[in-house]
Amino acid sequence: MKERYLELVNTFVNREENQLNNIINKTHEIVTNTDRWWSWGGSNSLPLQCHEKLEEYLSFLSTRNLSDSYIEGNRTFLKGFVNKRSIISTESAIKYLSLHNQLSQNSKARYVGYLKGFLKYLGIEFDISIKRLHLLPEHVYEKDIEKLKATITNHMTHKGSVFRDLMIIETAIKTGLRRAELANLLVRHINFGSGSLTVVRGKGSRDRVIPISKKLELDLKELCSNKQLSDRIFGLAPQSLGLKINDWAKKAKVPIHTHSFRHYFATKLVEKGANIRIVQELLGHSNLNTTQVYLSVNPYHLKSAILLLD
């Protein structure tokens, strides 16, 4: 009886050791394969190839007709996540997010959205939210824009791109295009003769038509004279275009970035009494509340309302 008991114990122990060794060998095979990133997500601890899953997720986003800039934002941020974290989980996502604590509230809220979408795609809960702050748009002074244009015009170098750079500013302040919309504006998007341009796949993948002045149309026609219909008008990617404006702004010593021109465009329209829904349509806002913040930076309509009490 004793011998039979020992035999059963040894059989059980050997079987457990073999199962454990199989698990260790499989895990070692995954971990030591440095060309194949992996993670364990959720309670089932299923191994995932991080980069493959990320590419699958980005492909999934593209099927939802989202803007290229939104997908690229996801790609940049989430690629850093899968590169820095060997485990995909709620905890590792929180730790990665904590590396960006120095950023603004709205930037962190955007990154939380990126992580939440990716983890949900993988079946992992990420019940964290950061409330976006509704800040008033910055006030952009006309004198600063004029100083910026003068700095570009009078600069001793970059003479070959002066006209192009001035046209970026003129187009931005006369149309209110976003940075990516400016960069992705093609020659065929300008409706020469009809005085308008078409924004193709703007934010939210929405198209819109914006009327332009005769002078802006003629200047754009001159800029496009040696370009093909499929060429980018300004020949710059979104990030490069933004850096170009930032560089000029530093030289001019003015607090301006690419989005400043959009604020200037919207504020000027409101100051001149444009209907807020027309401004919404020109800016490509899906929500009227987003456009209405420009009423807050224009004190004239508020003063007019108060004067009604007299």
C-alpha atoms as a PDB file:
ATOM      1  CA  MET A   1       0.000   0.000   0.000  1.00  0.00           C
ATOM      2  CA  LYS A   2       2.823   2.383   0.911  1.00  0.00           C
ATOM      3  CA  GLU A   3       4.632   1.666  -2.363  1.00  0.00           C
ATOM      4  CA  ARG A   4       1.427   2.275  -4.322  1.00  0.00           C
ATOM      5  CA  TYR A   5       0.921   5.641  -2.528  1.00  0.00           C
ATOM      6  CA  LEU A   6       4.495   6.763  -3.331  1.00  0.00           C
ATOM      7  CA  GLU A   7       4.031   5.744  -6.959  1.00  0.00           C
ATOM      8  CA  LEU A   8       0.875   7.855  -7.258  1.00  0.00           C
ATOM      9  CA  VAL A   9       2.582  10.873  -5.598  1.00  0.00           C
ATOM     10  CA  ASN A  10       5.607  10.669  -7.954  1.00  0.00           C
ATOM     11  CA  THR A  11       3.332  10.395 -10.976  1.00  0.00           C
ATOM     12  CA  PHE A  12       1.398  13.490  -9.943  1.00  0.00           C
ATOM     13  CA  VAL A  13       4.566  15.506  -9.204  1.00  0.00           C
ATOM     14  CA  ASN A  14       6.200  14.535 -12.512  1.00  0.00           C
ATOM     15  CA  ARG A  15       3.072  15.464 -14.423  1.00  0.00           C
ATOM     16  CA  GLU A  16       2.922  18.901 -12.740  1.00  0.00           C
ATOM     17  CA  GLU A  17       6.632  19.487 -13.394  1.00  0.00           C
ATOM     18  CA  ASN A  18       6.190  18.652 -17.072  1.00  0.00           C
ATOM     19  CA  GLN A  19       3.274  21.069 -17.415  1.00  0.00           C
ATOM     20  CA  LEU A  20       5.243  23.815 -15.662  1.00  0.00           C
ATOM     21  CA  ASN A  21       8.267  23.233 -17.897  1.00  0.00           C
ATOM     22  CA  ASN A  22       6.053  23.451 -20.989  1.00  0.00           C
ATOM     23  CA  ILE A  23       4.686  26.814 -19.821  1.00  0.00           C
ATOM     24  CA  ILE A  24       8.207  28.116 -19.047  1.00  0.00           C
ATOM     25  CA  ASN A  25       9.522  26.997 -22.432  1.00  0.00           C
ATOM     26  CA  LYS A  26       6.655  28.666 -24.285  1.00  0.00           C
ATOM     27  CA  THR A  27       7.065  31.864 -22.289  1.00  0.00           C
ATOM     28  CA  HIS A  28      10.827  31.854 -22.855  1.00  0.00           C
ATOM     29  CA  GLU A  29      10.258  31.422 -26.575  1.00  0.00           C
ATOM     30  CA  ILE A  30       8.007  34.503 -26.649  1.00  0.00           C
ATOM     31  CA  VAL A  31      10.151  36.692 -24.397  1.00  0.00           C
ATOM     32  CA  THR A  32      13.460  35.964 -26.076  1.00  0.00           C
ATOM     33  CA  ASN A  33      12.110  36.644 -29.549  1.00  0.00           C
ATOM     34  CA  THR A  34      13.040  40.333 -29.572  1.00  0.00           C
ATOM     35  CA  ASP A  35      11.648  40.848 -33.046  1.00  0.00           C
ATOM     36  CA  ARG A  36       8.147  40.004 -31.825  1.00  0.00           C
ATOM     37  CA  TRP A  37       6.757  42.281 -29.171  1.00  0.00           C
ATOM     38  CA  TRP A  38       4.191  40.630 -26.906  1.00  0.00           C
ATOM     39  CA  SER A  39       1.928  41.389 -24.016  1.00  0.00           C
ATOM     40  CA  TRP A  40      -0.637  39.838 -21.760  1.00  0.00           C
ATOM     41  CA  GLY A  41      -3.925  41.674 -21.538  1.00  0.00           C
ATOM     42  CA  GLY A  42      -7.041  41.085 -19.479  1.00  0.00           C
ATOM     43  CA  SER A  43      -7.705  38.290 -17.037  1.00  0.00           C
ATOM     44  CA  ASN A  44      -7.148  35.492 -19.547  1.00  0.00           C
ATOM     45  CA  SER A  45      -3.441  36.356 -19.986  1.00  0.00           C
ATOM     46  CA  LEU A  46      -3.464  35.571 -23.674  1.00  0.00           C
ATOM     47  CA  PRO A  47      -0.164  36.430 -25.407  1.00  0.00           C
ATOM     48  CA  LEU A  48      -0.518  39.188 -27.971  1.00  0.00           C
ATOM     49  CA  GLN A  49       1.934  40.480 -30.517  1.00  0.00           C
ATOM     50  CA  CYS A  50       1.783  44.176 -29.664  1.00  0.00           C
ATOM     51  CA  HIS A  51       2.857  45.729 -32.940  1.00  0.00           C
ATOM     52  CA  GLU A  52       0.650  43.438 -34.992  1.00  0.00           C
ATOM     53  CA  LYS A  53      -2.321  44.256 -32.796  1.00  0.00           C
ATOM     54  CA  LEU A  54      -1.550  47.963 -33.039  1.00  0.00           C
ATOM     55  CA  GLU A  55      -1.469  47.801 -36.852  1.00  0.00           C
ATOM     56  CA  GLU A  56      -4.744  45.860 -36.802  1.00  0.00           C
ATOM     57  CA  TYR A  57      -6.278  48.550 -34.613  1.00  0.00           C
ATOM     58  CA  LEU A  58      -5.051  51.367 -36.865  1.00  0.00           C
ATOM     59  CA  SER A  59      -6.484  49.561 -39.880  1.00  0.00           C
ATOM     60  CA  PHE A  60      -9.750  49.259 -37.980  1.00  0.00           C
ATOM     61  CA  LEU A  61      -9.746  53.032 -37.369  1.00  0.00           C
ATOM     62  CA  SER A  62      -9.227  53.695 -41.068  1.00  0.00           C
ATOM     63  CA  THR A  63     -12.396  51.724 -41.872  1.00  0.00           C
ATOM     64  CA  ARG A  64     -14.373  54.095 -39.641  1.00  0.00           C
ATOM     65  CA  ASN A  65     -13.692  57.013 -41.996  1.00  0.00           C
ATOM     66  CA  LEU A  66     -11.709  58.943 -39.373  1.00  0.00           C
ATOM     67  CA  SER A  67      -9.312  61.717 -40.341  1.00  0.00           C
ATOM     68  CA  ASP A  68      -5.718  60.935 -41.240  1.00  0.00           C
ATOM     69  CA  SER A  69      -4.460  63.276 -38.524  1.00  0.00           C
ATOM     70  CA  TYR A  70      -6.481  61.448 -35.844  1.00  0.00           C
ATOM     71  CA  ILE A  71      -5.186  58.063 -36.974  1.00  0.00           C
ATOM     72  CA  GLU A  72      -1.629  59.377 -37.132  1.00  0.00           C
ATOM     73  CA  GLY A  73      -2.001  60.785 -33.611  1.00  0.00           C
ATOM     74  CA  ASN A  74      -3.030  57.330 -32.420  1.00  0.00           C
ATOM     75  CA  ARG A  75      -0.128  55.722 -34.254  1.00  0.00           C
ATOM     76  CA  THR A  76       2.500  58.036 -32.755  1.00  0.00           C
ATOM     77  CA  PHE A  77       1.254  57.818 -29.171  1.00  0.00           C
ATOM     78  CA  LEU A  78       0.357  54.110 -29.093  1.00  0.00           C
ATOM     79  CA  LYS A  79       3.602  53.080 -30.804  1.00  0.00           C
ATOM     80  CA  GLY A  80       5.443  54.650 -27.877  1.00  0.00           C
ATOM     81  CA  PHE A  81       3.185  52.685 -25.539  1.00  0.00           C
ATOM     82  CA  VAL A  82       3.861  49.261 -27.068  1.00  0.00           C
ATOM     83  CA  ASN A  83       7.579  50.040 -27.357  1.00  0.00           C
ATOM     84  CA  LYS A  84       7.964  51.015 -23.708  1.00  0.00           C
ATOM     85  CA  ARG A  85       5.636  48.473 -22.068  1.00  0.00           C
ATOM     86  CA  SER A  86       6.162  44.712 -22.271  1.00  0.00           C
ATOM     87  CA  ILE A  87       2.688  44.118 -20.839  1.00  0.00           C
ATOM     88  CA  ILE A  88      -0.537  45.626 -22.092  1.00  0.00           C
ATOM     89  CA  SER A  89      -2.920  46.090 -19.198  1.00  0.00           C
ATOM     90  CA  THR A  90      -4.847  48.803 -17.409  1.00  0.00           C
ATOM     91  CA  GLU A  91      -1.927  49.226 -15.009  1.00  0.00           C
ATOM     92  CA  SER A  92       0.724  49.563 -17.727  1.00  0.00           C
ATOM     93  CA  ALA A  93      -1.478  52.065 -19.583  1.00  0.00           C
ATOM     94  CA  ILE A  94      -1.797  54.201 -16.438  1.00  0.00           C
ATOM     95  CA  LYS A  95       1.976  54.091 -15.910  1.00  0.00           C
ATOM     96  CA  TYR A  96       2.601  55.134 -19.505  1.00  0.00           C
ATOM     97  CA  LEU A  97       0.074  57.940 -19.195  1.00  0.00           C
ATOM     98  CA  SER A  98       1.850  59.188 -16.057  1.00  0.00           C
ATOM     99  CA  LEU A  99       4.937  59.885 -18.201  1.00  0.00           C
ATOM    100  CA  HIS A 100       2.927  62.718 -19.788  1.00  0.00           C
ATOM    101  CA  ASN A 101       1.813  64.486 -16.620  1.00  0.00           C
ATOM    102  CA  GLN A 102       3.614  67.656 -17.701  1.00  0.00           C
ATOM    103  CA  LEU A 103       1.242  68.113 -20.638  1.00  0.00           C
ATOM    104  CA  SER A 104      -1.916  70.202 -20.659  1.00  0.00           C
ATOM    105  CA  GLN A 105      -5.223  68.830 -19.426  1.00  0.00           C
ATOM    106  CA  ASN A 106      -6.617  68.673 -22.950  1.00  0.00           C
ATOM    107  CA  SER A 107      -3.563  66.824 -24.294  1.00  0.00           C
ATOM    108  CA  LYS A 108      -3.831  64.229 -21.523  1.00  0.00           C
ATOM    109  CA  ALA A 109      -7.545  63.859 -22.230  1.00  0.00           C
ATOM    110  CA  ARG A 110      -6.728  63.175 -25.883  1.00  0.00           C
ATOM    111  CA  TYR A 111      -4.139  60.542 -24.928  1.00  0.00           C
ATOM    112  CA  VAL A 112      -6.589  58.859 -22.557  1.00  0.00           C
ATOM    113  CA  GLY A 113      -8.940  58.583 -25.530  1.00  0.00           C
ATOM    114  CA  TYR A 114      -6.207  56.937 -27.615  1.00  0.00           C
ATOM    115  CA  LEU A 115      -5.436  54.387 -24.883  1.00  0.00           C
ATOM    116  CA  LYS A 116      -9.086  53.694 -24.116  1.00  0.00           C
ATOM    117  CA  GLY A 117      -9.866  52.956 -27.759  1.00  0.00           C
ATOM    118  CA  PHE A 118      -6.877  50.629 -28.197  1.00  0.00           C
ATOM    119  CA  LEU A 119      -7.457  48.724 -24.965  1.00  0.00           C
ATOM    120  CA  LYS A 120     -11.174  48.353 -25.683  1.00  0.00           C
ATOM    121  CA  TYR A 121     -10.248  46.874 -29.061  1.00  0.00           C
ATOM    122  CA  LEU A 122      -8.132  44.311 -27.181  1.00  0.00           C
ATOM    123  CA  GLY A 123     -10.924  43.559 -24.717  1.00  0.00           C
ATOM    124  CA  ILE A 124      -9.227  45.335 -21.791  1.00  0.00           C
ATOM    125  CA  GLU A 125     -11.111  47.700 -19.508  1.00  0.00           C
ATOM    126  CA  PHE A 126      -9.692  51.213 -19.110  1.00  0.00           C
ATOM    127  CA  ASP A 127     -12.225  53.101 -17.048  1.00  0.00           C
ATOM    128  CA  ILE A 128     -10.300  56.361 -16.771  1.00  0.00           C
ATOM    129  CA  SER A 129     -11.404  59.741 -18.015  1.00  0.00           C
ATOM    130  CA  ILE A 130      -9.947  63.240 -17.942  1.00  0.00           C
ATOM    131  CA  LYS A 131     -12.298  66.151 -18.389  1.00  0.00           C
ATOM    132  CA  ARG A 132     -11.342  68.550 -21.132  1.00  0.00           C
ATOM    133  CA  LEU A 133     -11.033  72.167 -20.120  1.00  0.00           C
ATOM    134  CA  HIS A 134     -13.132  74.577 -22.173  1.00  0.00           C
ATOM    135  CA  LEU A 135     -10.684  77.422 -22.539  1.00  0.00           C
ATOM    136  CA  LEU A 136     -11.332  80.633 -24.390  1.00  0.00           C
ATOM    137  CA  PRO A 137      -9.472  80.912 -27.702  1.00  0.00           C
ATOM    138  CA  GLU A 138      -6.345  83.014 -27.566  1.00  0.00           C
ATOM    139  CA  HIS A 139      -6.656  86.579 -28.824  1.00  0.00           C
ATOM    140  CA  VAL A 140      -4.512  87.073 -31.911  1.00  0.00           C
ATOM    141  CA  TYR A 141      -3.512  90.642 -32.668  1.00  0.00           C
ATOM    142  CA  GLU A 142      -3.373  91.904 -36.226  1.00  0.00           C
ATOM    143  CA  LYS A 143      -0.125  93.758 -35.481  1.00  0.00           C
ATOM    144  CA  ASP A 144       1.528  90.433 -34.600  1.00  0.00           C
ATOM    145  CA  ILE A 145       0.442  88.881 -37.890  1.00  0.00           C
ATOM    146  CA  GLU A 146       1.724  91.916 -39.803  1.00  0.00           C
ATOM    147  CA  LYS A 147       5.031  91.710 -37.924  1.00  0.00           C
ATOM    148  CA  LEU A 148       5.280  88.026 -38.805  1.00  0.00           C
ATOM    149  CA  LYS A 149       4.697  88.723 -42.498  1.00  0.00           C
ATOM    150  CA  ALA A 150       7.244  91.573 -42.447  1.00  0.00           C
ATOM    151  CA  THR A 151       9.842  89.280 -40.882  1.00  0.00           C
ATOM    152  CA  ILE A 152       9.343  86.722 -43.658  1.00  0.00           C
ATOM    153  CA  THR A 153       9.419  89.339 -46.400  1.00  0.00           C
ATOM    154  CA  ASN A 154      12.591  91.048 -45.145  1.00  0.00           C
ATOM    155  CA  HIS A 155      14.591  87.942 -44.259  1.00  0.00           C
ATOM    156  CA  MET A 156      17.890  87.706 -46.114  1.00  0.00           C
ATOM    157  CA  THR A 157      17.738  83.928 -46.627  1.00  0.00           C
ATOM    158  CA  HIS A 158      14.969  81.556 -47.766  1.00  0.00           C
ATOM    159  CA  LYS A 159      14.173  83.948 -50.621  1.00  0.00           C
ATOM    160  CA  GLY A 160      12.951  81.078 -52.772  1.00  0.00           C
ATOM    161  CA  SER A 161      10.223  80.157 -50.287  1.00  0.00           C
ATOM    162  CA  VAL A 162       9.168  83.643 -49.134  1.00  0.00           C
ATOM    163  CA  PHE A 163       6.112  83.812 -51.402  1.00  0.00           C
ATOM    164  CA  ARG A 164       5.090  80.267 -50.422  1.00  0.00           C
ATOM    165  CA  ASP A 165       5.383  81.029 -46.692  1.00  0.00           C
ATOM    166  CA  LEU A 166       3.434  84.289 -47.019  1.00  0.00           C
ATOM    167  CA  MET A 167       0.723  82.409 -48.914  1.00  0.00           C
ATOM    168  CA  ILE A 168       0.437  79.887 -46.071  1.00  0.00           C
ATOM    169  CA  ILE A 169      -0.410  82.777 -43.748  1.00  0.00           C
ATOM    170  CA  GLU A 170      -2.741  84.521 -46.195  1.00  0.00           C
ATOM    171  CA  THR A 171      -4.633  81.315 -46.949  1.00  0.00           C
ATOM    172  CA  ALA A 172      -4.916  80.468 -43.247  1.00  0.00           C
ATOM    173  CA  ILE A 173      -6.257  83.860 -42.138  1.00  0.00           C
ATOM    174  CA  LYS A 174      -8.684  84.077 -45.080  1.00  0.00           C
ATOM    175  CA  THR A 175     -10.076  80.513 -44.823  1.00  0.00           C
ATOM    176  CA  GLY A 176      -9.552  79.356 -41.227  1.00  0.00           C
ATOM    177  CA  LEU A 177      -8.094  76.030 -42.336  1.00  0.00           C
ATOM    178  CA  ARG A 178      -6.528  73.756 -39.747  1.00  0.00           C
ATOM    179  CA  ARG A 179      -2.833  72.887 -40.000  1.00  0.00           C
ATOM    180  CA  ALA A 180      -3.460  69.470 -41.571  1.00  0.00           C
ATOM    181  CA  GLU A 181      -6.038  70.951 -43.950  1.00  0.00           C
ATOM    182  CA  LEU A 182      -3.522  73.547 -45.127  1.00  0.00           C
ATOM    183  CA  ALA A 183      -0.820  70.923 -45.613  1.00  0.00           C
ATOM    184  CA  ASN A 184      -3.151  68.523 -47.452  1.00  0.00           C
ATOM    185  CA  LEU A 185      -4.577  71.183 -49.764  1.00  0.00           C
ATOM    186  CA  LEU A 186      -3.928  70.033 -53.339  1.00  0.00           C
ATOM    187  CA  VAL A 187      -3.926  72.076 -56.531  1.00  0.00           C
ATOM    188  CA  ARG A 188      -7.121  70.336 -57.688  1.00  0.00           C
ATOM    189  CA  HIS A 189      -8.875  71.455 -54.494  1.00  0.00           C
ATOM    190  CA  ILE A 190      -8.788  75.091 -55.655  1.00  0.00           C
ATOM    191  CA  ASN A 191     -11.808  75.860 -57.815  1.00  0.00           C
ATOM    192  CA  PHE A 192     -10.175  78.444 -60.059  1.00  0.00           C
ATOM    193  CA  GLY A 193     -12.771  80.588 -61.770  1.00  0.00           C
ATOM    194  CA  SER A 194     -15.484  79.976 -59.200  1.00  0.00           C
ATOM    195  CA  GLY A 195     -13.636  81.604 -56.286  1.00  0.00           C
ATOM    196  CA  SER A 196     -13.652  78.771 -53.765  1.00  0.00           C
ATOM    197  CA  LEU A 197     -11.600  75.920 -52.404  1.00  0.00           C
ATOM    198  CA  THR A 198     -12.702  72.500 -51.193  1.00  0.00           C
ATOM    199  CA  VAL A 199     -11.465  70.975 -47.957  1.00  0.00           C
ATOM    200  CA  VAL A 200     -11.365  67.237 -48.594  1.00  0.00           C
ATOM    201  CA  ARG A 201     -11.541  64.888 -45.610  1.00  0.00           C
ATOM    202  CA  GLY A 202     -11.182  67.557 -42.964  1.00  0.00           C
ATOM    203  CA  LYS A 203     -11.616  66.805 -39.280  1.00  0.00           C
ATOM    204  CA  GLY A 204     -14.164  64.025 -38.899  1.00  0.00           C
ATOM    205  CA  SER A 205     -13.573  63.198 -42.587  1.00  0.00           C
ATOM    206  CA  ARG A 206     -16.036  65.917 -43.591  1.00  0.00           C
ATOM    207  CA  ASP A 207     -15.695  67.892 -46.825  1.00  0.00           C
ATOM    208  CA  ARG A 208     -16.602  71.577 -47.006  1.00  0.00           C
ATOM    209  CA  VAL A 209     -16.414  74.388 -49.544  1.00  0.00           C
ATOM    210  CA  ILE A 210     -14.973  77.781 -48.552  1.00  0.00           C
ATOM    211  CA  PRO A 211     -15.335  80.899 -50.736  1.00  0.00           C
ATOM    212  CA  ILE A 212     -12.119  82.834 -51.312  1.00  0.00           C
ATOM    213  CA  SER A 213     -11.441  86.392 -52.452  1.00  0.00           C
ATOM    214  CA  LYS A 214     -10.363  87.167 -56.007  1.00  0.00           C
ATOM    215  CA  LYS A 215      -6.932  88.297 -54.799  1.00  0.00           C
ATOM    216  CA  LEU A 216      -6.347  85.075 -52.843  1.00  0.00           C
ATOM    217  CA  GLU A 217      -7.480  83.049 -55.845  1.00  0.00           C
ATOM    218  CA  LEU A 218      -5.015  84.850 -58.146  1.00  0.00           C
ATOM    219  CA  ASP A 219      -2.145  84.492 -55.670  1.00  0.00           C
ATOM    220  CA  LEU A 220      -2.853  80.772 -55.262  1.00  0.00           C
ATOM    221  CA  LYS A 221      -2.983  80.419 -59.047  1.00  0.00           C
ATOM    222  CA  GLU A 222       0.479  81.988 -59.274  1.00  0.00           C
ATOM    223  CA  LEU A 223       1.792  79.653 -56.555  1.00  0.00           C
ATOM    224  CA  CYS A 224       0.365  76.631 -58.395  1.00  0.00           C
ATOM    225  CA  SER A 225       1.582  77.662 -61.859  1.00  0.00           C
ATOM    226  CA  ASN A 226       4.267  74.958 -62.115  1.00  0.00           C
ATOM    227  CA  LYS A 227       2.509  72.258 -60.114  1.00  0.00           C
ATOM    228  CA  GLN A 228       0.486  69.188 -61.062  1.00  0.00           C
ATOM    229  CA  LEU A 229      -3.137  68.839 -60.010  1.00  0.00           C
ATOM    230  CA  SER A 230      -2.176  66.164 -57.471  1.00  0.00           C
ATOM    231  CA  ASP A 231       0.616  68.255 -55.880  1.00  0.00           C
ATOM    232  CA  ARG A 232       0.370  69.764 -52.437  1.00  0.00           C
ATOM    233  CA  ILE A 233       0.058  73.516 -52.863  1.00  0.00           C
ATOM    234  CA  PHE A 234       2.527  74.346 -50.091  1.00  0.00           C
ATOM    235  CA  GLY A 235       4.691  71.236 -50.479  1.00  0.00           C
ATOM    236  CA  LEU A 236       4.872  70.578 -46.738  1.00  0.00           C
ATOM    237  CA  ALA A 237       3.602  67.831 -44.450  1.00  0.00           C
ATOM    238  CA  PRO A 238       1.429  69.004 -41.504  1.00  0.00           C
ATOM    239  CA  GLN A 239       4.219  68.816 -38.930  1.00  0.00           C
ATOM    240  CA  SER A 240       6.719  70.529 -41.220  1.00  0.00           C
ATOM    241  CA  LEU A 241       4.245  73.308 -41.949  1.00  0.00           C
ATOM    242  CA  GLY A 242       3.690  73.862 -38.237  1.00  0.00           C
ATOM    243  CA  LEU A 243       7.416  73.937 -37.535  1.00  0.00           C
ATOM    244  CA  LYS A 244       7.896  76.411 -40.376  1.00  0.00           C
ATOM    245  CA  ILE A 245       5.406  78.857 -38.821  1.00  0.00           C
ATOM    246  CA  ASN A 246       6.873  78.329 -35.350  1.00  0.00           C
ATOM    247  CA  ASP A 247      10.347  79.098 -36.682  1.00  0.00           C
ATOM    248  CA  TRP A 248       9.196  82.342 -38.315  1.00  0.00           C
ATOM    249  CA  ALA A 249       7.252  83.321 -35.182  1.00  0.00           C
ATOM    250  CA  LYS A 250      10.396  82.943 -33.075  1.00  0.00           C
ATOM    251  CA  LYS A 251      12.324  85.131 -35.486  1.00  0.00           C
ATOM    252  CA  ALA A 252       9.550  87.737 -35.399  1.00  0.00           C
ATOM    253  CA  LYS A 253       9.193  87.384 -31.596  1.00  0.00           C
ATOM    254  CA  VAL A 254       5.418  87.037 -31.776  1.00  0.00           C
ATOM    255  CA  PRO A 255       3.220  84.495 -29.903  1.00  0.00           C
ATOM    256  CA  ILE A 256       1.832  82.820 -33.000  1.00  0.00           C
ATOM    257  CA  HIS A 257       1.452  79.217 -34.146  1.00  0.00           C
ATOM    258  CA  THR A 258      -0.486  77.688 -37.022  1.00  0.00           C
ATOM    259  CA  HIS A 259      -3.779  77.460 -35.126  1.00  0.00           C
ATOM    260  CA  SER A 260      -3.535  81.163 -34.265  1.00  0.00           C
ATOM    261  CA  PHE A 261      -4.580  82.002 -37.816  1.00  0.00           C
ATOM    262  CA  ARG A 262      -7.757  79.959 -37.396  1.00  0.00           C
ATOM    263  CA  HIS A 263      -8.582  81.836 -34.182  1.00  0.00           C
ATOM    264  CA  TYR A 264      -7.937  85.136 -35.972  1.00  0.00           C
ATOM    265  CA  PHE A 265     -10.208  84.154 -38.875  1.00  0.00           C
ATOM    266  CA  ALA A 266     -13.098  83.149 -36.591  1.00  0.00           C
ATOM    267  CA  THR A 267     -12.759  86.138 -34.264  1.00  0.00           C
ATOM    268  CA  LYS A 268     -12.724  88.606 -37.174  1.00  0.00           C
ATOM    269  CA  LEU A 269     -15.887  87.078 -38.640  1.00  0.00           C
ATOM    270  CA  VAL A 270     -17.700  87.311 -35.305  1.00  0.00           C
ATOM    271  CA  GLU A 271     -16.503  90.895 -34.760  1.00  0.00           C
ATOM    272  CA  LYS A 272     -17.895  91.872 -38.151  1.00  0.00           C
ATOM    273  CA  GLY A 273     -21.287  90.378 -37.283  1.00  0.00           C
ATOM    274  CA  ALA A 274     -21.204  87.091 -39.215  1.00  0.00           C
ATOM    275  CA  ASN A 275     -23.941  84.632 -38.293  1.00  0.00           C
ATOM    276  CA  ILE A 276     -22.534  82.118 -35.817  1.00  0.00           C
ATOM    277  CA  ARG A 277     -23.911  79.166 -37.806  1.00  0.00           C
ATOM    278  CA  ILE A 278     -22.149  80.416 -40.937  1.00  0.00           C
ATOM    279  CA  VAL A 279     -18.910  80.639 -38.924  1.00  0.00           C
ATOM    280  CA  GLN A 280     -19.539  77.085 -37.718  1.00  0.00           C
ATOM    281  CA  GLU A 281     -19.913  75.867 -41.305  1.00  0.00           C
ATOM    282  CA  LEU A 282     -16.777  77.668 -42.483  1.00  0.00           C
ATOM    283  CA  LEU A 283     -14.706  76.305 -39.602  1.00  0.00           C
ATOM    284  CA  GLY A 284     -16.040  72.772 -40.067  1.00  0.00           C
ATOM    285  CA  HIS A 285     -17.220  72.423 -36.461  1.00  0.00           C
ATOM    286  CA  SER A 286     -19.653  69.555 -35.892  1.00  0.00           C
ATOM    287  CA  ASN A 287     -20.945  71.164 -32.682  1.00  0.00           C
ATOM    288  CA  LEU A 288     -22.179  74.741 -32.478  1.00  0.00           C
ATOM    289  CA  ASN A 289     -20.926  74.984 -28.880  1.00  0.00           C
ATOM    290  CA  THR A 290     -17.368  74.763 -30.193  1.00  0.00           C
ATOM    291  CA  THR A 291     -17.947  77.800 -32.395  1.00  0.00           C
ATOM    292  CA  GLN A 292     -19.784  79.814 -29.766  1.00  0.00           C
ATOM    293  CA  VAL A 293     -16.618  80.232 -27.675  1.00  0.00           C
ATOM    294  CA  TYR A 294     -15.622  82.920 -30.184  1.00  0.00           C
ATOM    295  CA  LEU A 295     -18.553  84.996 -28.953  1.00  0.00           C
ATOM    296  CA  SER A 296     -16.857  85.070 -25.548  1.00  0.00           C
ATOM    297  CA  VAL A 297     -13.689  86.692 -26.872  1.00  0.00           C
ATOM    298  CA  ASN A 298     -15.701  89.360 -28.649  1.00  0.00           C
ATOM    299  CA  PRO A 299     -16.925  91.866 -26.008  1.00  0.00           C
ATOM    300  CA  TYR A 300     -18.933  93.994 -28.431  1.00  0.00           C
ATOM    301  CA  HIS A 301     -22.075  91.861 -28.538  1.00  0.00           C
ATOM    302  CA  LEU A 302     -21.995  91.617 -24.741  1.00  0.00           C
ATOM    303  CA  LYS A 303     -21.751  95.382 -24.413  1.00  0.00           C
ATOM    304  CA  SER A 304     -24.627  95.849 -26.858  1.00  0.00           C
ATOM    305  CA  ALA A 305     -26.773  93.552 -24.742  1.00  0.00           C
ATOM    306  CA  ILE A 306     -25.985  95.480 -21.545  1.00  0.00           C
ATOM    307  CA  LEU A 307     -26.790  98.806 -23.230  1.00  0.00           C
ATOM    308  CA  LEU A 308     -30.326  97.528 -23.790  1.00  0.00           C
ATOM    309  CA  LEU A 309     -30.853  98.053 -20.034  1.00  0.00           C
ATOM    310  CA  ASP A 310     -30.300 101.823 -20.329  1.00  0.00           C
END
